[in-house]
């Protein structure tokens, strides 16, 4: 398993503070977007953590709709979504799901 880069670590830290997840998986999916306009990431190098997948399980999502969960995660990561993250796939679940 490859180690997390600085963007993934930043995402992990922000989500941990905001949601205290019981499970959190962050995947850098940037390699699948080779040749894409935004593949350069934070330092202009390929594989720069521009396309990320997040799977988060937290009590905080209980009673929320899927849209509310997506918005909560997007709000938490808004600064990163202005750059360096170009695309973010979110799967946000309550513990009983």
C-alpha atoms as a PDB file:
ATOM      1  CA  UNK A   1       0.000   0.000   0.000  1.00  0.00           C
ATOM      2  CA  UNK A   2       1.462   3.361  -0.934  1.00  0.00           C
ATOM      3  CA  UNK A   3       1.830   5.979   1.745  1.00  0.00           C
ATOM      4  CA  UNK A   4      -0.383   9.031   1.878  1.00  0.00           C
ATOM      5  CA  UNK A   5       0.882  12.233   0.371  1.00  0.00           C
ATOM      6  CA  UNK A   6       0.491  15.685   1.902  1.00  0.00           C
ATOM      7  CA  UNK A   7      -2.955  16.332   0.412  1.00  0.00           C
ATOM      8  CA  UNK A   8      -4.351  13.006   1.663  1.00  0.00           C
ATOM      9  CA  UNK A   9      -2.891  13.683   5.112  1.00  0.00           C
ATOM     10  CA  UNK A  10      -4.512  17.128   5.099  1.00  0.00           C
ATOM     11  CA  UNK A  11      -7.866  15.637   4.087  1.00  0.00           C
ATOM     12  CA  UNK A  12      -7.548  13.015   6.840  1.00  0.00           C
ATOM     13  CA  UNK A  13      -6.752  15.634   9.491  1.00  0.00           C
ATOM     14  CA  UNK A  14      -9.621  17.934   8.494  1.00  0.00           C
ATOM     15  CA  UNK A  15     -12.197  15.137   8.359  1.00  0.00           C
ATOM     16  CA  UNK A  16     -10.997  13.678  11.671  1.00  0.00           C
ATOM     17  CA  UNK A  17     -11.500  17.007  13.438  1.00  0.00           C
ATOM     18  CA  UNK A  18     -14.865  17.745  11.809  1.00  0.00           C
ATOM     19  CA  UNK A  19     -16.515  14.307  12.009  1.00  0.00           C
ATOM     20  CA  UNK A  20     -14.525  12.009  14.367  1.00  0.00           C
ATOM     21  CA  UNK A  21     -14.999   9.110  11.939  1.00  0.00           C
ATOM     22  CA  UNK A  22     -14.981   5.476  13.027  1.00  0.00           C
ATOM     23  CA  UNK A  23     -13.619   4.577   9.586  1.00  0.00           C
ATOM     24  CA  UNK A  24     -11.881   6.745   7.004  1.00  0.00           C
ATOM     25  CA  UNK A  25     -10.334   5.603   3.730  1.00  0.00           C
ATOM     26  CA  UNK A  26      -8.666   8.097   1.406  1.00  0.00           C
ATOM     27  CA  UNK A  27      -7.496   7.019  -2.041  1.00  0.00           C
ATOM     28  CA  UNK A  28      -5.460   9.035  -4.506  1.00  0.00           C
ATOM     29  CA  UNK A  29      -7.092   8.313  -7.871  1.00  0.00           C
ATOM     30  CA  UNK A  30      -4.953  10.771  -9.833  1.00  0.00           C
ATOM     31  CA  UNK A  31      -3.056   8.071 -11.749  1.00  0.00           C
ATOM     32  CA  UNK A  32      -6.276   7.130 -13.550  1.00  0.00           C
ATOM     33  CA  UNK A  33      -6.425  10.665 -14.943  1.00  0.00           C
ATOM     34  CA  UNK A  34      -3.038  10.776 -16.652  1.00  0.00           C
ATOM     35  CA  UNK A  35      -3.001  13.399 -19.372  1.00  0.00           C
ATOM     36  CA  UNK A  36      -5.874  15.272 -17.763  1.00  0.00           C
ATOM     37  CA  UNK A  37      -5.497  19.034 -17.605  1.00  0.00           C
ATOM     38  CA  UNK A  38      -5.377  19.021 -13.777  1.00  0.00           C
ATOM     39  CA  UNK A  39      -3.023  16.088 -13.253  1.00  0.00           C
ATOM     40  CA  UNK A  40      -0.157  18.300 -12.087  1.00  0.00           C
ATOM     41  CA  UNK A  41      -1.344  18.727  -8.512  1.00  0.00           C
ATOM     42  CA  UNK A  42       0.266  20.976  -5.953  1.00  0.00           C
ATOM     43  CA  UNK A  43       3.733  21.061  -7.442  1.00  0.00           C
ATOM     44  CA  UNK A  44       3.086  20.641 -11.162  1.00  0.00           C
ATOM     45  CA  UNK A  45       4.302  17.043 -11.116  1.00  0.00           C
ATOM     46  CA  UNK A  46       2.249  14.067 -12.278  1.00  0.00           C
ATOM     47  CA  UNK A  47       0.483  12.185  -9.504  1.00  0.00           C
ATOM     48  CA  UNK A  48      -0.034  15.355  -7.521  1.00  0.00           C
ATOM     49  CA  UNK A  49      -3.103  14.196  -5.565  1.00  0.00           C
ATOM     50  CA  UNK A  50      -5.654  16.024  -7.687  1.00  0.00           C
ATOM     51  CA  UNK A  51      -8.349  13.322  -7.843  1.00  0.00           C
ATOM     52  CA  UNK A  52      -9.291  11.831  -4.489  1.00  0.00           C
ATOM     53  CA  UNK A  53     -11.798   9.234  -3.254  1.00  0.00           C
ATOM     54  CA  UNK A  54     -13.046   9.410   0.339  1.00  0.00           C
ATOM     55  CA  UNK A  55     -15.049   6.807   2.245  1.00  0.00           C
ATOM     56  CA  UNK A  56     -16.006   8.067   5.690  1.00  0.00           C
ATOM     57  CA  UNK A  57     -18.171   6.487   8.383  1.00  0.00           C
ATOM     58  CA  UNK A  58     -19.229   8.740  11.255  1.00  0.00           C
ATOM     59  CA  UNK A  59     -21.996   9.159  13.812  1.00  0.00           C
ATOM     60  CA  UNK A  60     -22.241  12.762  12.627  1.00  0.00           C
ATOM     61  CA  UNK A  61     -23.955  11.530   9.441  1.00  0.00           C
ATOM     62  CA  UNK A  62     -26.808   9.783  11.271  1.00  0.00           C
ATOM     63  CA  UNK A  63     -30.115  11.350  10.301  1.00  0.00           C
ATOM     64  CA  UNK A  64     -28.615  13.255   7.371  1.00  0.00           C
ATOM     65  CA  UNK A  65     -29.601  12.777   3.756  1.00  0.00           C
ATOM     66  CA  UNK A  66     -26.970  11.808   1.223  1.00  0.00           C
ATOM     67  CA  UNK A  67     -26.945  15.378  -0.091  1.00  0.00           C
ATOM     68  CA  UNK A  68     -26.467  16.833   3.404  1.00  0.00           C
ATOM     69  CA  UNK A  69     -23.529  14.500   3.972  1.00  0.00           C
ATOM     70  CA  UNK A  70     -21.926  15.463   0.668  1.00  0.00           C
ATOM     71  CA  UNK A  71     -22.338  19.138   1.457  1.00  0.00           C
ATOM     72  CA  UNK A  72     -20.884  18.704   4.953  1.00  0.00           C
ATOM     73  CA  UNK A  73     -17.762  17.005   3.600  1.00  0.00           C
ATOM     74  CA  UNK A  74     -17.418  19.523   0.763  1.00  0.00           C
ATOM     75  CA  UNK A  75     -17.709  22.397   3.239  1.00  0.00           C
ATOM     76  CA  UNK A  76     -15.043  20.840   5.445  1.00  0.00           C
ATOM     77  CA  UNK A  77     -12.684  20.467   2.470  1.00  0.00           C
ATOM     78  CA  UNK A  78     -13.645  23.669   0.621  1.00  0.00           C
ATOM     79  CA  UNK A  79     -10.177  25.195   0.855  1.00  0.00           C
ATOM     80  CA  UNK A  80      -8.584  22.105  -0.709  1.00  0.00           C
ATOM     81  CA  UNK A  81     -11.224  21.978  -3.441  1.00  0.00           C
ATOM     82  CA  UNK A  82     -10.101  25.428  -4.616  1.00  0.00           C
ATOM     83  CA  UNK A  83      -6.771  23.734  -5.308  1.00  0.00           C
ATOM     84  CA  UNK A  84      -4.943  21.359  -5.166  1.00  0.00           C
ATOM     85  CA  UNK A  85      -7.903  18.925  -5.302  1.00  0.00           C
ATOM     86  CA  UNK A  86      -9.665  19.006  -8.663  1.00  0.00           C
ATOM     87  CA  UNK A  87     -12.085  16.091  -8.163  1.00  0.00           C
ATOM     88  CA  UNK A  88     -13.439  14.466  -5.010  1.00  0.00           C
ATOM     89  CA  UNK A  89     -15.574  11.343  -4.816  1.00  0.00           C
ATOM     90  CA  UNK A  90     -17.340  11.027  -1.457  1.00  0.00           C
ATOM     91  CA  UNK A  91     -19.025   8.050   0.156  1.00  0.00           C
ATOM     92  CA  UNK A  92     -20.273   9.261   3.540  1.00  0.00           C
ATOM     93  CA  UNK A  93     -22.068   6.766   5.744  1.00  0.00           C
ATOM     94  CA  UNK A  94     -23.600   6.513   9.201  1.00  0.00           C
ATOM     95  CA  UNK A  95     -22.285   3.592  11.301  1.00  0.00           C
ATOM     96  CA  UNK A  96     -25.432   1.509  10.810  1.00  0.00           C
ATOM     97  CA  UNK A  97     -25.135   1.552   7.003  1.00  0.00           C
END
